[in-house]
Every structure is written in structure tokens, then in C-alpha cells.
Amino acid sequence: MSRGIDYSAWDHIYVSDDEEATSPFVDTPSLFRMRHRSRLEKMAAFQQRGEDLQTNFAECQRLLEETQRRLRYLQDGMKDGEADEEKEAELKKVQSEVEKLKQDEKSFQLLMEDHQREEKKLPWNVDTISKEGFSKSVLNINSSRKQETLQEKVEKHKTFVEKYAKEIKHFGMLRRWDDSQKYLSDHPHLVCEETANYLVVICIDYEIDEKHALMEQIAHQAIVMQFILDLARTLSVDPRGCFRQFFSKIKTADKPYQNAFNHELELLKERICKCARLRMDGAMKELEEEEKQTRLGPGGLDPVEVYESLPKVNQGTHLLPTALFLLFPIHKDSL
């Protein structure tokens, strides 16, 4: 037997116009308007409280991320042998700040959960009943997004670079904070992971060409983009919507935040130099292998290796050319 319709959702509906409690000394329509206005003010205050909680929670997360970055910077300095009483005192202070911010984050989470529970218990009224829940169409399709494969990521990066390589290089050459912010405002599509990756590739190419000044300039802009992406992940927002917040912060940054930025920049330049050396070593090995292949004689023997394998006494004798000629005879077509 099928169950009937559940009408319990309408058990707690509050509509001021249906109230019977009126006064003969007060105009009824005016009384209803006053009650309606009072209810709207309470609803607005409740909604504002929820928005304030979300804003404070996001700000707490941002401060926690910055403080944790300062803590990592100080810990790395201690490992590198820069320990002294002042550094240790600052380290303890930052650690206490991190613990306090973590407690504040938990407190905000509890307050937001309490607010959501209170919101569910609020009675319906004429304003909430008639308010639309959303203003968009929803299709009955699978909402789970398929993760991109490595090949798809490579193709996406390649397509993006082919389309915006000139704009990315222009951004990489900007030196002033205001110029970088304005350029990203005019080209918001550049605020993405592909731009950061391509800037690093350009840095490696400049380092291989021994253009160290250009490498350092592009590396600076790569860290700028990486900090913007990190801030977006912390706030759980689109990076195109928070890059102005980063520039506002970095232009008035305190010393620990600026030191953290410079520390990340130095680490990136070290990684770039290491990658450039590895690439050059790989290119040299490939070149040596190609030269070796051109020298190979019968049986796949390399005359240089044969010469070096001979005893030192025989390497300087007049019999060596004859021995090498017997091992590697000259083809008649080469005469």
C-alpha cells in the first residue's frame, strides 16, 4: 500500500496575516505591516550574522596559511644553521600563533554549524515560502567530473601555451606590482596553473642560455602566480577572483611575509638551476652517444675505446696505426 503525502513540512509555518490576535484600538493592516517589518529585520540580522561568520572563518584560514608559511620559513632557517636566541624566540611566538589560529578556526566551524542548525529550525513564513531556491536549470546528468589523464593535461597545457605564449612572456617581464595587477586585470585568463608552469619552463631555457638576469626576473613572476594559486586554494575560490587580494597584501606586507616570498623565490631558482644542469648533462650524453655511433667500426667497436684499453706502453708505439687499420679498415668507397 502506498504511503500518503507527508504534510509535516508545513507544521511550523508563520504567516502574520493569518493571526487572530488583533486589537480594536489599532488599525489591523498597520499592525500586520509592523509585524511583517519586525520579522524582516530579524531575518536580515540572522542572515548578516551567518555572512559575518563565513567572512571571519575565511579570514582566519588565510591568516593561518600565512602564519604556517612563516613557521616553515623559520624552521628551514634553523635547519640551515641560522639558530640564535632571537630566532628561537620568534619561532616559539609563531608556533603559539599557529595554535591559537587553529583553535579559532575550530571555534568558527562550531559557530557556523550552530547557525545552520538554527536556520533549519526557523519557521516558514510568507517571505521564505515565496522565495525561490535557485534560478537555474538543472539537467539530470552525472555530476561527477572525470579526472583528467596525464595526456589530457599535456594537451591542455600545449593548447594554452600555443594560444597565450606571447601574453605569458609579457607578464613575466613586468617588474612593478601595480603593472602586474593591471595586466592580470586585463588578461584574467592568465591566472591559472598553466601560466605558472610555462613561466618555469621559460626560466629553465634562460638558465641554459646563461641569461641569469632574465631567469631571475621570470622566476619572480612565477612565484607571484604560485602565491595567487595558493591563496585561491586556501580560500576555496577561483584564482581569478582573488589575485587583487594578493597584490593588496604583498604591497603592504610585513617582514615575515616578504621573507617567506623571497625564500620561496630562492628555492625556485635553485630548482631551476638544477633542472638546467640535468638537461645540459642529458644533451651532452646524447651528443657523445651520436658521435660514438659514427665512429663504430666492424663488430660495433669504438676505436677510441680500443685505444684507451691498450696498455700505456703500446699507446705511443709506431705499431698502433697499423693495429687500428687492421681493426678498422678504410672502405674503398671512402678513398
Protein backbone atom coordinates (compact mmCIF):
# COMPACT_ATOMS: atom_id res chain seq x y z
CA MET A 1 0.00 0.00 0.00
CA SER A 2 1.45 3.37 -0.99
CA ARG A 3 2.06 5.97 1.70
CA GLY A 4 0.19 9.24 1.65
CA ILE A 5 1.70 12.67 1.26
CA ASP A 6 3.72 13.89 4.26
CA TYR A 7 2.44 17.31 5.26
CA SER A 8 4.68 17.66 8.33
CA ALA A 9 6.88 20.16 6.50
CA TRP A 10 4.08 22.72 6.84
CA ASP A 11 3.50 22.20 10.58
CA HIS A 12 5.51 25.28 11.56
CA ILE A 13 4.52 27.98 9.12
CA TYR A 14 4.22 31.52 10.48
CA VAL A 15 2.08 33.94 8.48
CA SER A 16 1.33 37.23 10.22
CA ASP A 17 -1.72 38.00 8.11
CA ASP A 18 -3.50 34.87 9.45
CA GLU A 19 -3.13 35.81 13.11
CA GLU A 20 -6.30 36.34 15.08
CA ALA A 21 -4.59 38.36 17.84
CA THR A 22 -5.60 41.89 16.91
CA SER A 23 -6.61 44.96 18.86
CA PRO A 24 -9.71 47.05 18.36
CA PHE A 25 -7.66 50.13 19.17
CA VAL A 26 -5.05 49.53 16.44
CA ASP A 27 -5.62 49.55 12.73
CA THR A 28 -5.33 45.89 11.66
CA PRO A 29 -3.45 46.46 8.34
CA SER A 30 -0.97 48.72 10.17
CA LEU A 31 -0.48 46.06 12.83
CA PHE A 32 0.22 43.41 10.20
CA ARG A 33 2.71 45.71 8.42
CA MET A 34 4.51 46.41 11.71
CA ARG A 35 4.78 42.70 12.50
CA HIS A 36 5.97 41.96 8.98
CA ARG A 37 8.64 44.67 9.17
CA SER A 38 9.82 43.37 12.53
CA ARG A 39 10.10 39.84 11.17
CA LEU A 40 12.09 41.04 8.14
CA GLU A 41 14.52 42.89 10.41
CA LYS A 42 15.09 39.75 12.48
CA MET A 43 15.63 37.68 9.33
CA ALA A 44 18.13 40.24 7.98
CA ALA A 45 20.05 40.26 11.28
CA PHE A 46 20.16 36.45 11.33
CA GLN A 47 21.40 36.33 7.73
CA GLN A 48 24.01 39.02 8.42
CA ARG A 49 25.30 37.00 11.36
CA GLY A 50 25.79 33.98 9.10
CA GLU A 51 27.63 36.06 6.49
CA ASP A 52 29.88 37.56 9.18
CA LEU A 53 30.74 34.08 10.44
CA GLN A 54 31.70 32.94 6.93
CA THR A 55 33.81 36.07 6.36
CA ASN A 56 35.63 35.68 9.67
CA PHE A 57 36.18 31.97 9.01
CA ALA A 58 37.74 32.69 5.60
CA GLU A 59 39.95 35.41 7.12
CA CYS A 60 41.05 33.02 9.88
CA GLN A 61 42.00 30.40 7.28
CA ARG A 62 44.00 33.00 5.34
CA LEU A 63 45.89 34.12 8.43
CA LEU A 64 46.56 30.51 9.39
CA GLU A 65 48.05 29.79 5.97
CA GLU A 66 50.31 32.84 6.16
CA THR A 67 51.44 32.00 9.70
CA GLN A 68 52.17 28.40 8.73
CA ARG A 69 54.24 29.66 5.82
CA ARG A 70 56.21 31.89 8.21
CA LEU A 71 56.69 28.90 10.52
CA ARG A 72 58.09 26.74 7.70
CA TYR A 73 60.44 29.55 6.72
CA LEU A 74 61.78 29.87 10.26
CA GLN A 75 62.14 26.10 10.65
CA ASP A 76 64.12 25.91 7.39
CA GLY A 77 66.39 28.68 8.65
CA MET A 78 67.02 26.79 11.88
CA LYS A 79 67.98 23.69 9.89
CA ASP A 80 70.44 25.72 7.81
CA GLY A 81 72.33 26.72 10.97
CA GLU A 82 70.90 30.20 11.49
CA ALA A 83 69.76 29.43 15.05
CA ASP A 84 70.16 32.10 17.73
CA GLU A 85 68.15 33.33 20.71
CA GLU A 86 66.20 35.86 18.66
CA LYS A 87 65.29 33.28 16.02
CA GLU A 88 64.24 30.75 18.65
CA ALA A 89 62.05 33.33 20.39
CA GLU A 90 60.39 34.27 17.10
CA LEU A 91 59.88 30.59 16.28
CA LYS A 92 58.10 29.98 19.58
CA LYS A 93 55.96 33.06 19.05
CA VAL A 94 54.89 31.92 15.57
CA GLN A 95 54.15 28.41 16.86
CA SER A 96 51.85 29.86 19.52
CA GLU A 97 50.13 31.97 16.86
CA VAL A 98 49.55 28.86 14.74
CA GLU A 99 47.99 27.02 17.69
CA LYS A 100 45.74 29.98 18.52
CA LEU A 101 44.58 30.32 14.90
CA LYS A 102 43.80 26.60 14.75
CA GLN A 103 41.64 26.96 17.85
CA ASP A 104 39.90 29.99 16.33
CA GLU A 105 39.27 28.01 13.15
CA LYS A 106 37.59 25.21 15.15
CA SER A 107 35.52 27.77 17.08
CA PHE A 108 34.27 29.39 13.87
CA GLN A 109 33.37 25.97 12.49
CA LEU A 110 31.29 25.18 15.58
CA LEU A 111 29.57 28.58 15.41
CA MET A 112 28.74 28.06 11.73
CA GLU A 113 27.31 24.60 12.45
CA ASP A 114 25.15 26.04 15.25
CA HIS A 115 23.94 28.79 12.93
CA GLN A 116 22.99 26.24 10.26
CA ARG A 117 21.04 24.19 12.82
CA GLU A 118 19.19 27.29 13.97
CA GLU A 119 18.40 28.16 10.36
CA LYS A 120 16.77 24.75 9.82
CA LYS A 121 14.58 25.23 12.91
CA LEU A 122 13.25 28.62 11.84
CA PRO A 123 9.52 28.56 10.99
CA TRP A 124 8.47 29.26 7.44
CA ASN A 125 6.69 32.49 6.64
CA VAL A 126 5.24 34.25 3.63
CA ASP A 127 8.67 35.63 2.65
CA THR A 128 10.62 32.36 2.86
CA ILE A 129 7.88 30.28 1.25
CA SER A 130 7.69 32.50 -1.80
CA LYS A 131 11.47 32.89 -2.17
CA GLU A 132 12.97 30.87 -5.00
CA GLY A 133 15.63 28.38 -4.06
CA PHE A 134 17.63 28.80 -7.25
CA SER A 135 17.33 30.47 -10.64
CA LYS A 136 18.99 27.98 -12.93
CA SER A 137 18.07 24.84 -14.84
CA VAL A 138 19.37 21.50 -13.60
CA LEU A 139 19.79 18.61 -16.02
CA ASN A 140 19.53 15.01 -14.89
CA ILE A 141 23.09 14.03 -15.80
CA ASN A 142 26.03 12.58 -13.94
CA SER A 143 27.53 15.45 -11.97
CA SER A 144 30.80 13.68 -11.11
CA ARG A 145 33.61 15.21 -13.12
CA LYS A 146 36.03 12.85 -14.73
CA GLN A 147 39.59 13.42 -13.68
CA GLU A 148 41.93 14.46 -16.46
CA THR A 149 44.51 11.95 -17.58
CA LEU A 150 48.16 12.88 -17.97
CA GLN A 151 47.79 13.01 -21.75
CA GLU A 152 44.78 15.32 -21.46
CA LYS A 153 46.70 17.63 -19.11
CA VAL A 154 49.63 17.75 -21.52
CA GLU A 155 47.35 18.58 -24.45
CA LYS A 156 45.56 21.25 -22.40
CA HIS A 157 48.87 22.83 -21.42
CA LYS A 158 50.14 22.70 -25.00
CA THR A 159 46.99 24.33 -26.38
CA PHE A 160 47.03 27.05 -23.74
CA VAL A 161 50.70 27.89 -24.32
CA GLU A 162 50.29 28.00 -28.09
CA LYS A 163 47.43 30.47 -27.68
CA TYR A 164 48.81 32.73 -24.94
CA ALA A 165 52.62 32.32 -25.04
CA LYS A 166 53.19 35.95 -26.03
CA GLU A 167 50.96 37.26 -23.22
CA ILE A 168 52.61 34.99 -20.64
CA LYS A 169 56.09 36.18 -21.66
CA HIS A 170 54.93 39.80 -21.39
CA PHE A 171 53.64 39.18 -17.87
CA GLY A 172 56.94 37.51 -16.98
CA MET A 173 58.86 40.69 -17.83
CA LEU A 174 56.79 43.02 -15.60
CA ARG A 175 58.64 44.35 -12.56
CA ARG A 176 56.20 46.57 -10.63
CA TRP A 177 53.33 45.18 -8.52
CA ASP A 178 50.84 47.65 -9.99
CA ASP A 179 51.81 46.73 -13.56
CA SER A 180 51.37 43.02 -12.84
CA GLN A 181 47.97 43.58 -11.20
CA LYS A 182 46.71 45.73 -14.07
CA TYR A 183 47.91 43.25 -16.68
CA LEU A 184 46.14 40.36 -14.94
CA SER A 185 43.01 42.52 -14.64
CA ASP A 186 43.09 42.98 -18.41
CA HIS A 187 44.01 39.31 -19.02
CA PRO A 188 42.32 37.28 -16.21
CA HIS A 189 42.59 34.05 -18.23
CA LEU A 190 46.31 34.03 -17.41
CA VAL A 191 45.61 33.42 -13.70
CA CYS A 192 45.94 29.63 -13.84
CA GLU A 193 48.31 26.71 -13.31
CA GLU A 194 49.34 26.60 -16.98
CA THR A 195 50.82 30.12 -16.77
CA ALA A 196 52.89 29.23 -13.70
CA ASN A 197 54.20 26.06 -15.35
CA TYR A 198 55.15 27.81 -18.59
CA LEU A 199 56.98 30.57 -16.70
CA VAL A 200 59.15 27.89 -15.06
CA VAL A 201 59.89 26.36 -18.47
CA ILE A 202 61.00 29.77 -19.75
CA CYS A 203 63.26 30.14 -16.70
CA ILE A 204 64.99 26.84 -17.44
CA ASP A 205 65.58 27.85 -21.07
CA TYR A 206 67.11 31.18 -19.99
CA GLU A 207 69.35 29.43 -17.45
CA ILE A 208 70.62 27.01 -20.12
CA ASP A 209 71.42 30.02 -22.34
CA GLU A 210 73.25 31.56 -19.34
CA LYS A 211 70.86 34.53 -19.24
CA HIS A 212 70.74 34.57 -15.46
CA ALA A 213 69.16 38.02 -15.02
CA LEU A 214 66.23 37.13 -17.26
CA MET A 215 65.83 33.82 -15.44
CA GLU A 216 65.59 35.58 -12.08
CA GLN A 217 63.03 38.08 -13.42
CA ILE A 218 60.74 35.35 -14.84
CA ALA A 219 61.18 33.28 -11.66
CA HIS A 220 59.88 36.22 -9.61
CA GLN A 221 56.69 36.35 -11.67
CA ALA A 222 56.32 32.56 -11.44
CA ILE A 223 56.31 32.82 -7.63
CA VAL A 224 53.75 35.64 -7.87
CA MET A 225 51.43 33.35 -9.83
CA GLN A 226 52.08 30.44 -7.45
CA PHE A 227 51.21 32.58 -4.40
CA ILE A 228 47.95 33.62 -6.08
CA LEU A 229 47.06 29.98 -6.76
CA ASP A 230 47.91 29.01 -3.16
CA LEU A 231 45.70 31.82 -1.84
CA ALA A 232 42.84 30.63 -4.06
CA ARG A 233 43.18 27.07 -2.74
CA THR A 234 43.20 28.36 0.84
CA LEU A 235 40.03 30.41 0.34
CA SER A 236 38.41 27.76 -1.92
CA VAL A 237 37.71 30.35 -4.62
CA ASP A 238 38.56 30.84 -8.27
CA PRO A 239 42.08 32.34 -8.52
CA ARG A 240 40.78 34.95 -10.95
CA GLY A 241 38.70 36.34 -8.11
CA CYS A 242 41.44 36.73 -5.50
CA PHE A 243 44.58 37.93 -7.30
CA ARG A 244 43.79 41.55 -6.33
CA GLN A 245 43.74 40.45 -2.71
CA PHE A 246 47.26 39.02 -3.10
CA PHE A 247 48.64 42.26 -4.56
CA SER A 248 46.99 44.30 -1.80
CA LYS A 249 48.69 42.04 0.72
CA ILE A 250 52.14 41.90 -0.85
CA LYS A 251 52.35 45.68 -1.38
CA THR A 252 51.84 46.29 2.34
CA ALA A 253 53.35 43.02 3.56
CA ASP A 254 55.16 42.76 6.87
CA LYS A 255 58.72 41.46 7.02
CA PRO A 256 57.87 37.76 7.76
CA TYR A 257 55.51 37.56 4.79
CA GLN A 258 58.05 39.26 2.50
CA ASN A 259 60.76 36.92 3.78
CA ALA A 260 58.56 33.91 3.04
CA PHE A 261 58.04 35.18 -0.51
CA ASN A 262 61.78 35.71 -1.03
CA HIS A 263 62.53 32.29 0.47
CA GLU A 264 60.20 30.56 -1.99
CA LEU A 265 61.79 32.55 -4.81
CA GLU A 266 65.28 31.40 -3.85
CA LEU A 267 64.12 27.77 -3.65
CA LEU A 268 62.61 28.03 -7.12
CA LYS A 269 65.82 29.48 -8.58
CA GLU A 270 67.82 26.62 -7.04
CA ARG A 271 65.47 24.05 -8.59
CA ILE A 272 65.68 25.82 -11.95
CA CYS A 273 69.49 25.73 -11.91
CA LYS A 274 69.42 22.05 -11.00
CA CYS A 275 66.98 21.23 -13.81
CA ALA A 276 69.08 23.21 -16.29
CA ARG A 277 72.22 21.27 -15.31
CA LEU A 278 70.40 17.96 -15.67
CA ARG A 279 69.10 18.94 -19.08
CA MET A 280 72.56 20.01 -20.27
CA ASP A 281 74.11 16.80 -18.94
CA GLY A 282 71.48 14.79 -20.78
CA ALA A 283 72.15 16.71 -24.01
CA MET A 284 75.89 16.10 -23.69
CA LYS A 285 75.34 12.38 -23.19
CA GLU A 286 73.13 12.25 -26.27
CA LEU A 287 75.76 14.12 -28.30
CA GLU A 288 78.51 11.78 -27.13
CA GLU A 289 76.38 8.78 -27.99
CA GLU A 290 75.76 10.13 -31.50
CA GLU A 291 79.49 10.73 -32.04
CA LYS A 292 80.22 7.25 -30.77
CA GLN A 293 77.77 5.73 -33.24
CA THR A 294 79.50 7.49 -36.13
CA ARG A 295 82.89 6.06 -35.04
CA LEU A 296 81.79 2.45 -34.69
CA GLY A 297 83.71 0.01 -36.83
CA PRO A 298 83.21 -3.71 -37.59
CA GLY A 299 81.61 -5.60 -34.75
CA GLY A 300 80.42 -2.39 -33.11
CA LEU A 301 83.89 -1.49 -31.74
CA ASP A 302 84.76 2.10 -30.91
CA PRO A 303 88.38 2.97 -31.94
CA VAL A 304 88.67 5.48 -29.06
CA GLU A 305 87.67 2.84 -26.54
CA VAL A 306 90.05 0.34 -28.16
CA TYR A 307 92.91 2.86 -27.97
CA GLU A 308 92.21 3.68 -24.34
CA SER A 309 92.02 -0.02 -23.45
CA LEU A 310 95.54 -0.65 -24.76
CA PRO A 311 98.47 -0.68 -22.30
CA LYS A 312 100.18 2.67 -21.83
CA VAL A 313 103.37 1.28 -23.38
CA ASN A 314 101.63 0.35 -26.64
CA GLN A 315 99.59 3.56 -26.94
CA GLY A 316 102.66 5.54 -28.09
CA THR A 317 104.31 2.93 -30.38
CA HIS A 318 104.53 3.14 -34.15
CA LEU A 319 102.63 -0.16 -34.39
CA LEU A 320 99.38 1.50 -33.21
CA PRO A 321 98.24 2.90 -36.57
CA THR A 322 98.76 -0.50 -38.19
CA ALA A 323 96.77 -2.22 -35.44
CA LEU A 324 93.91 0.24 -35.71
CA PHE A 325 93.95 -0.08 -39.51
CA LEU A 326 93.61 -3.85 -39.20
CA LEU A 327 90.72 -3.45 -36.76
CA PHE A 328 89.01 -0.64 -38.69
CA PRO A 329 89.98 -0.94 -42.38
CA ILE A 330 89.14 2.02 -44.60
CA HIS A 331 86.39 1.19 -47.06
CA LYS A 332 87.41 1.58 -50.69
CA ASP A 333 84.42 3.83 -51.37
CA SER A 334 85.82 6.37 -48.90
CA LEU A 335 89.14 6.71 -50.79
